[in-house]
Amino acid sequence: MIGSSLLEHYEDHWETEMGAWFPGERVVVRGEDLFNSFKSSGWMEYLLFVITGKRDAKLAGLIESIWVYCTSFPDPRLWNNRVAMLASTAGSTGVLGISAGIAVSEAKVYGLKPIKGASDLFIKIKKKTDEGFLLSEVVDEEMRIHKVVYGYGRPLASCDERIAPTISLAKELGYASGYYLNQALEIEKILYKKYKMKMNIAAVYSALMLDAGLSVEDTYYLACLSFSAGMFAPFIEAQEKPLGTFFPLRVSRVNYEGVEGHRVWGNKNDK
């Protein structure tokens, strides 16, 4: 079906295997009765099931700890926190401010894109090495073409303080001996020897999730809300201060190189 026939098929009609709410009766999620099947489950275990269909309390515990250790630092200088805090100091609501912070967590140099990039990269590298290429050759080629390897390098510090506690917990839970984590550590050795680049937490998280049998998309979805807790602290703090006072800049600090002199708004002759 295409065109109008396709739309006609879906008019007032949506088939779902994911779930439904029966008002006043029950809620079904992936074929499970929510109130009976999840009455002793934590939120992360439920989220894992919604996204992947897996029931795994131990894996959910690992993911939740990664959220706590790695993604929600309450520092107002962090860019996504800064966006949430700026919204707060402008008088915005919590939902709008935190949503804006989550939106900018999908950046190229931090957050969700490095996580997805590292997951894609590890799968691509495994395919290449399975075909007979040396790991060092594949990594060198990646650096030559892209000048960057997702999951490695960090703008402000060469060492990532989140890695040690995360791997330690993964060992306790039996998740630290998988193929992808070992591959990630070998890639770090190659990159550090030639480029002084060390692994960051995106590589560790991505490798652990792939070793747990999750897909690239599953890994990405499970990280989407992970930065939110760190945004609430500066957002709430900003509400206790005067409006508009979050990191203001005086005009003299702006390096302006545009049109000189006084400009009249709305003047068609003003070029």
Protein backbone atom coordinates (compact mmCIF):
# COMPACT_ATOMS: atom_id res chain seq x y z
CA MET A 1 0.00 0.00 0.00
CA ILE A 2 1.12 3.53 -0.81
CA GLY A 3 -0.32 7.01 -0.74
CA SER A 4 -3.94 7.43 0.30
CA SER A 5 -4.55 3.69 0.62
CA LEU A 6 -1.72 3.47 3.16
CA LEU A 7 -3.11 6.35 5.20
CA GLU A 8 -6.64 4.93 4.93
CA HIS A 9 -5.39 1.62 6.36
CA TYR A 10 -4.07 3.44 9.44
CA GLU A 11 -7.03 5.77 9.91
CA ASP A 12 -8.31 5.12 13.45
CA HIS A 13 -6.26 1.92 13.40
CA TRP A 14 -2.91 1.16 15.00
CA GLU A 15 -1.80 -2.38 15.74
CA THR A 16 0.64 -2.67 18.63
CA GLU A 17 2.57 -5.42 20.32
CA MET A 18 4.27 -3.01 22.70
CA GLY A 19 1.41 -2.24 25.03
CA ALA A 20 -1.91 -0.63 25.81
CA TRP A 21 -3.87 0.93 28.66
CA PHE A 22 -7.34 -0.41 29.38
CA PRO A 23 -8.95 2.37 31.45
CA GLY A 24 -10.14 1.26 34.85
CA GLU A 25 -8.87 -2.27 34.24
CA ARG A 26 -5.21 -2.97 33.44
CA VAL A 27 -2.04 -2.00 31.56
CA VAL A 28 -0.26 -4.39 29.20
CA VAL A 29 3.38 -3.94 28.16
CA ARG A 30 4.97 -6.32 25.67
CA GLY A 31 2.31 -8.89 26.54
CA GLU A 32 2.90 -8.65 30.31
CA ASP A 33 0.37 -7.36 32.81
CA LEU A 34 2.08 -4.34 34.35
CA PHE A 35 0.52 -4.55 37.82
CA ASN A 36 1.19 -8.26 38.27
CA SER A 37 4.49 -8.76 36.43
CA PHE A 38 6.32 -5.67 37.67
CA LYS A 39 5.01 -5.19 41.20
CA SER A 40 8.45 -5.88 42.70
CA SER A 41 10.55 -4.38 39.87
CA GLY A 42 12.55 -1.18 39.89
CA TRP A 43 12.10 1.54 37.31
CA MET A 44 15.31 0.67 35.46
CA GLU A 45 14.28 -2.97 35.18
CA TYR A 46 10.99 -1.79 33.70
CA LEU A 47 12.73 0.60 31.30
CA LEU A 48 15.06 -2.19 30.16
CA PHE A 49 12.06 -4.40 29.45
CA VAL A 50 10.17 -1.68 27.57
CA ILE A 51 13.16 -0.94 25.33
CA THR A 52 14.55 -4.45 24.81
CA GLY A 53 11.97 -6.98 25.96
CA LYS A 54 14.55 -8.42 28.39
CA ARG A 55 13.81 -9.16 32.05
CA ASP A 56 17.20 -8.90 33.74
CA ALA A 57 17.40 -7.31 37.20
CA LYS A 58 21.19 -7.69 37.37
CA LEU A 59 21.77 -5.91 34.05
CA ALA A 60 19.27 -3.23 35.07
CA GLY A 61 21.30 -2.73 38.25
CA LEU A 62 24.48 -2.27 36.25
CA ILE A 63 22.82 0.28 33.97
CA GLU A 64 21.38 2.17 36.91
CA SER A 65 24.79 2.34 38.57
CA ILE A 66 26.29 3.65 35.34
CA TRP A 67 23.66 6.41 35.38
CA VAL A 68 24.66 7.27 38.96
CA TYR A 69 28.44 7.10 38.45
CA CYS A 70 28.79 8.48 34.97
CA THR A 71 26.11 10.75 33.57
CA SER A 72 24.53 13.07 36.12
CA PHE A 73 27.19 15.28 37.66
CA PRO A 74 25.47 18.34 39.21
CA ASP A 75 28.01 20.85 37.90
CA PRO A 76 26.39 23.98 36.40
CA ARG A 77 29.35 24.43 34.03
CA LEU A 78 28.54 21.25 32.10
CA TRP A 79 26.88 22.28 28.87
CA ASN A 80 23.62 20.34 29.18
CA ASN A 81 23.30 21.38 32.84
CA ARG A 82 24.03 24.94 31.80
CA VAL A 83 21.12 24.91 29.35
CA ALA A 84 18.76 23.64 32.06
CA MET A 85 20.07 26.22 34.53
CA LEU A 86 19.73 29.03 31.98
CA ALA A 87 16.10 28.01 31.51
CA SER A 88 15.60 28.13 35.27
CA THR A 89 17.14 31.56 35.66
CA ALA A 90 14.85 32.76 32.87
CA GLY A 91 11.80 31.62 34.83
CA SER A 92 11.05 28.49 32.79
CA THR A 93 9.30 25.40 34.15
CA GLY A 94 11.14 22.28 35.25
CA VAL A 95 9.79 20.17 32.39
CA LEU A 96 10.92 22.67 29.74
CA GLY A 97 14.32 23.28 31.33
CA ILE A 98 15.19 19.61 31.87
CA SER A 99 13.87 18.70 28.41
CA ALA A 100 16.12 21.32 26.85
CA GLY A 101 19.09 19.93 28.76
CA ILE A 102 18.30 16.40 27.58
CA ALA A 103 17.98 17.64 23.99
CA VAL A 104 21.48 19.11 23.94
CA SER A 105 22.89 15.92 25.48
CA GLU A 106 22.78 14.55 21.94
CA ALA A 107 26.01 16.29 21.03
CA LYS A 108 28.96 15.23 18.91
CA VAL A 109 31.68 15.56 21.56
CA TYR A 110 29.83 14.26 24.63
CA GLY A 111 26.72 12.35 25.56
CA LEU A 112 24.57 10.32 23.23
CA LYS A 113 26.35 10.58 19.87
CA PRO A 114 29.69 9.33 21.25
CA ILE A 115 27.81 6.43 22.87
CA LYS A 116 26.12 5.50 19.61
CA GLY A 117 29.32 6.15 17.68
CA ALA A 118 31.37 3.90 19.95
CA SER A 119 28.80 1.09 19.68
CA ASP A 120 28.78 1.31 15.88
CA LEU A 121 32.57 1.45 15.82
CA PHE A 122 33.07 -1.63 17.98
CA ILE A 123 30.78 -3.68 15.76
CA LYS A 124 32.56 -2.43 12.63
CA ILE A 125 35.98 -3.19 14.09
CA LYS A 126 34.94 -6.69 15.11
CA LYS A 127 33.72 -7.35 11.57
CA LYS A 128 37.03 -6.13 10.15
CA THR A 129 39.16 -8.21 12.51
CA ASP A 130 36.97 -11.25 11.85
CA GLU A 131 37.82 -10.74 8.17
CA GLY A 132 41.52 -10.95 9.03
CA PHE A 133 42.57 -7.33 9.45
CA LEU A 134 44.86 -6.48 12.34
CA LEU A 135 43.25 -4.42 15.09
CA SER A 136 46.03 -1.82 14.87
CA GLU A 137 45.44 -1.45 11.13
CA VAL A 138 41.73 -0.87 11.59
CA VAL A 139 42.27 1.69 14.36
CA ASP A 140 44.94 3.55 12.36
CA GLU A 141 42.60 3.68 9.37
CA GLU A 142 39.83 5.08 11.54
CA MET A 143 42.13 7.84 12.79
CA ARG A 144 43.41 8.59 9.31
CA ILE A 145 39.92 9.01 7.85
CA HIS A 146 37.97 10.55 10.73
CA LYS A 147 40.70 12.08 12.95
CA VAL A 148 38.75 10.78 15.93
CA VAL A 149 37.68 7.49 17.47
CA TYR A 150 34.39 7.61 19.35
CA GLY A 151 34.82 6.56 22.97
CA TYR A 152 38.43 7.75 23.18
CA GLY A 153 39.92 11.07 24.17
CA ARG A 154 38.44 13.64 26.52
CA PRO A 155 38.47 17.44 26.12
CA LEU A 156 39.25 18.47 29.71
CA ALA A 157 41.15 15.55 31.23
CA SER A 158 43.12 12.67 29.78
CA CYS A 159 41.98 10.26 32.49
CA ASP A 160 38.29 9.43 32.98
CA GLU A 161 37.53 9.02 36.68
CA ARG A 162 34.30 7.15 35.91
CA ILE A 163 35.94 4.12 34.32
CA ALA A 164 37.49 2.45 37.39
CA PRO A 165 34.30 2.29 39.52
CA THR A 166 32.22 1.21 36.52
CA ILE A 167 34.52 -1.64 35.54
CA SER A 168 34.87 -2.64 39.20
CA LEU A 169 31.08 -2.94 39.50
CA ALA A 170 30.88 -4.77 36.17
CA LYS A 171 33.37 -7.31 37.52
CA GLU A 172 31.28 -7.84 40.65
CA LEU A 173 28.21 -8.49 38.51
CA GLY A 174 30.02 -10.71 36.01
CA TYR A 175 29.94 -8.32 33.05
CA ALA A 176 33.63 -7.44 32.71
CA SER A 177 34.99 -10.36 30.68
CA GLY A 178 33.12 -9.93 27.39
CA TYR A 179 34.59 -9.62 23.92
CA TYR A 180 33.76 -5.97 23.33
CA LEU A 181 35.15 -4.69 26.62
CA ASN A 182 38.41 -6.54 25.99
CA GLN A 183 38.47 -5.11 22.46
CA ALA A 184 37.88 -1.61 23.86
CA LEU A 185 40.85 -1.99 26.21
CA GLU A 186 43.08 -3.20 23.37
CA ILE A 187 42.04 -0.22 21.24
CA GLU A 188 43.03 2.07 24.11
CA LYS A 189 46.53 0.56 24.17
CA ILE A 190 46.95 1.25 20.45
CA LEU A 191 45.62 4.80 20.63
CA TYR A 192 47.61 5.73 23.71
CA LYS A 193 50.87 4.42 22.28
CA LYS A 194 50.54 6.39 19.05
CA TYR A 195 48.28 9.34 19.90
CA LYS A 196 48.24 9.57 23.73
CA MET A 197 44.47 9.06 23.65
CA LYS A 198 42.82 7.19 26.51
CA MET A 199 39.41 5.61 26.75
CA ASN A 200 36.42 7.53 28.09
CA ILE A 201 33.24 6.20 29.65
CA ALA A 202 31.32 6.09 26.35
CA ALA A 203 33.56 3.23 25.21
CA VAL A 204 33.11 1.32 28.47
CA TYR A 205 29.33 1.71 28.53
CA SER A 206 28.95 0.80 24.86
CA ALA A 207 31.18 -2.26 25.19
CA LEU A 208 29.38 -3.51 28.31
CA MET A 209 25.97 -3.16 26.67
CA LEU A 210 27.10 -4.94 23.49
CA ASP A 211 28.56 -7.73 25.61
CA ALA A 212 25.21 -7.98 27.39
CA GLY A 213 23.54 -8.65 24.04
CA LEU A 214 21.96 -5.24 23.50
CA SER A 215 21.83 -3.59 20.09
CA VAL A 216 23.27 -0.20 19.18
CA GLU A 217 19.79 1.32 19.31
CA ASP A 218 19.00 -0.33 22.66
CA THR A 219 22.24 1.07 24.08
CA TYR A 220 21.36 4.53 22.82
CA TYR A 221 17.76 4.48 24.11
CA LEU A 222 18.88 3.32 27.56
CA ALA A 223 21.12 6.38 27.82
CA CYS A 224 18.64 9.00 26.60
CA LEU A 225 17.40 10.09 30.04
CA SER A 226 20.58 9.30 31.93
CA PHE A 227 21.82 12.90 32.22
CA SER A 228 18.65 14.29 33.76
CA ALA A 229 19.43 13.85 37.46
CA GLY A 230 22.47 16.09 37.17
CA MET A 231 20.33 18.85 35.69
CA PHE A 232 17.86 19.09 38.56
CA ALA A 233 20.48 20.26 41.10
CA PRO A 234 21.57 23.41 39.20
CA PHE A 235 18.01 24.02 37.98
CA ILE A 236 16.68 24.07 41.54
CA GLU A 237 19.61 26.14 42.79
CA ALA A 238 19.05 28.75 40.08
CA GLN A 239 15.48 29.26 41.30
CA GLU A 240 16.90 30.57 44.58
CA LYS A 241 18.84 33.33 42.82
CA PRO A 242 17.65 36.48 41.01
CA LEU A 243 16.34 36.01 37.46
CA GLY A 244 18.88 36.49 34.69
CA THR A 245 21.97 36.16 36.89
CA PHE A 246 23.37 32.89 35.55
CA PHE A 247 26.78 33.64 33.96
CA PRO A 248 25.88 37.09 32.56
CA LEU A 249 28.40 38.79 30.25
CA ARG A 250 28.95 42.52 30.12
CA VAL A 251 29.02 44.00 26.61
CA SER A 252 32.73 44.89 26.87
CA ARG A 253 33.60 41.18 27.15
CA VAL A 254 32.01 40.37 23.78
CA ASN A 255 34.53 40.36 20.94
CA TYR A 256 32.28 42.00 18.35
CA GLU A 257 33.60 42.32 14.79
CA GLY A 258 30.43 43.38 13.00
CA VAL A 259 29.11 46.75 11.84
CA GLU A 260 30.62 49.68 13.72
CA GLY A 261 28.64 52.50 15.20
CA HIS A 262 25.02 52.90 16.24
CA ARG A 263 22.49 50.71 14.37
CA VAL A 264 18.81 51.57 13.98
CA TRP A 265 16.55 48.54 14.12
CA GLY A 266 14.22 48.20 11.14
CA ASN A 267 16.11 50.67 8.90
CA LYS A 268 16.06 49.16 5.38
CA ASN A 269 19.17 51.15 4.47
CA ASP A 270 21.13 49.67 7.34
CA LYS A 271 23.46 47.11 5.75
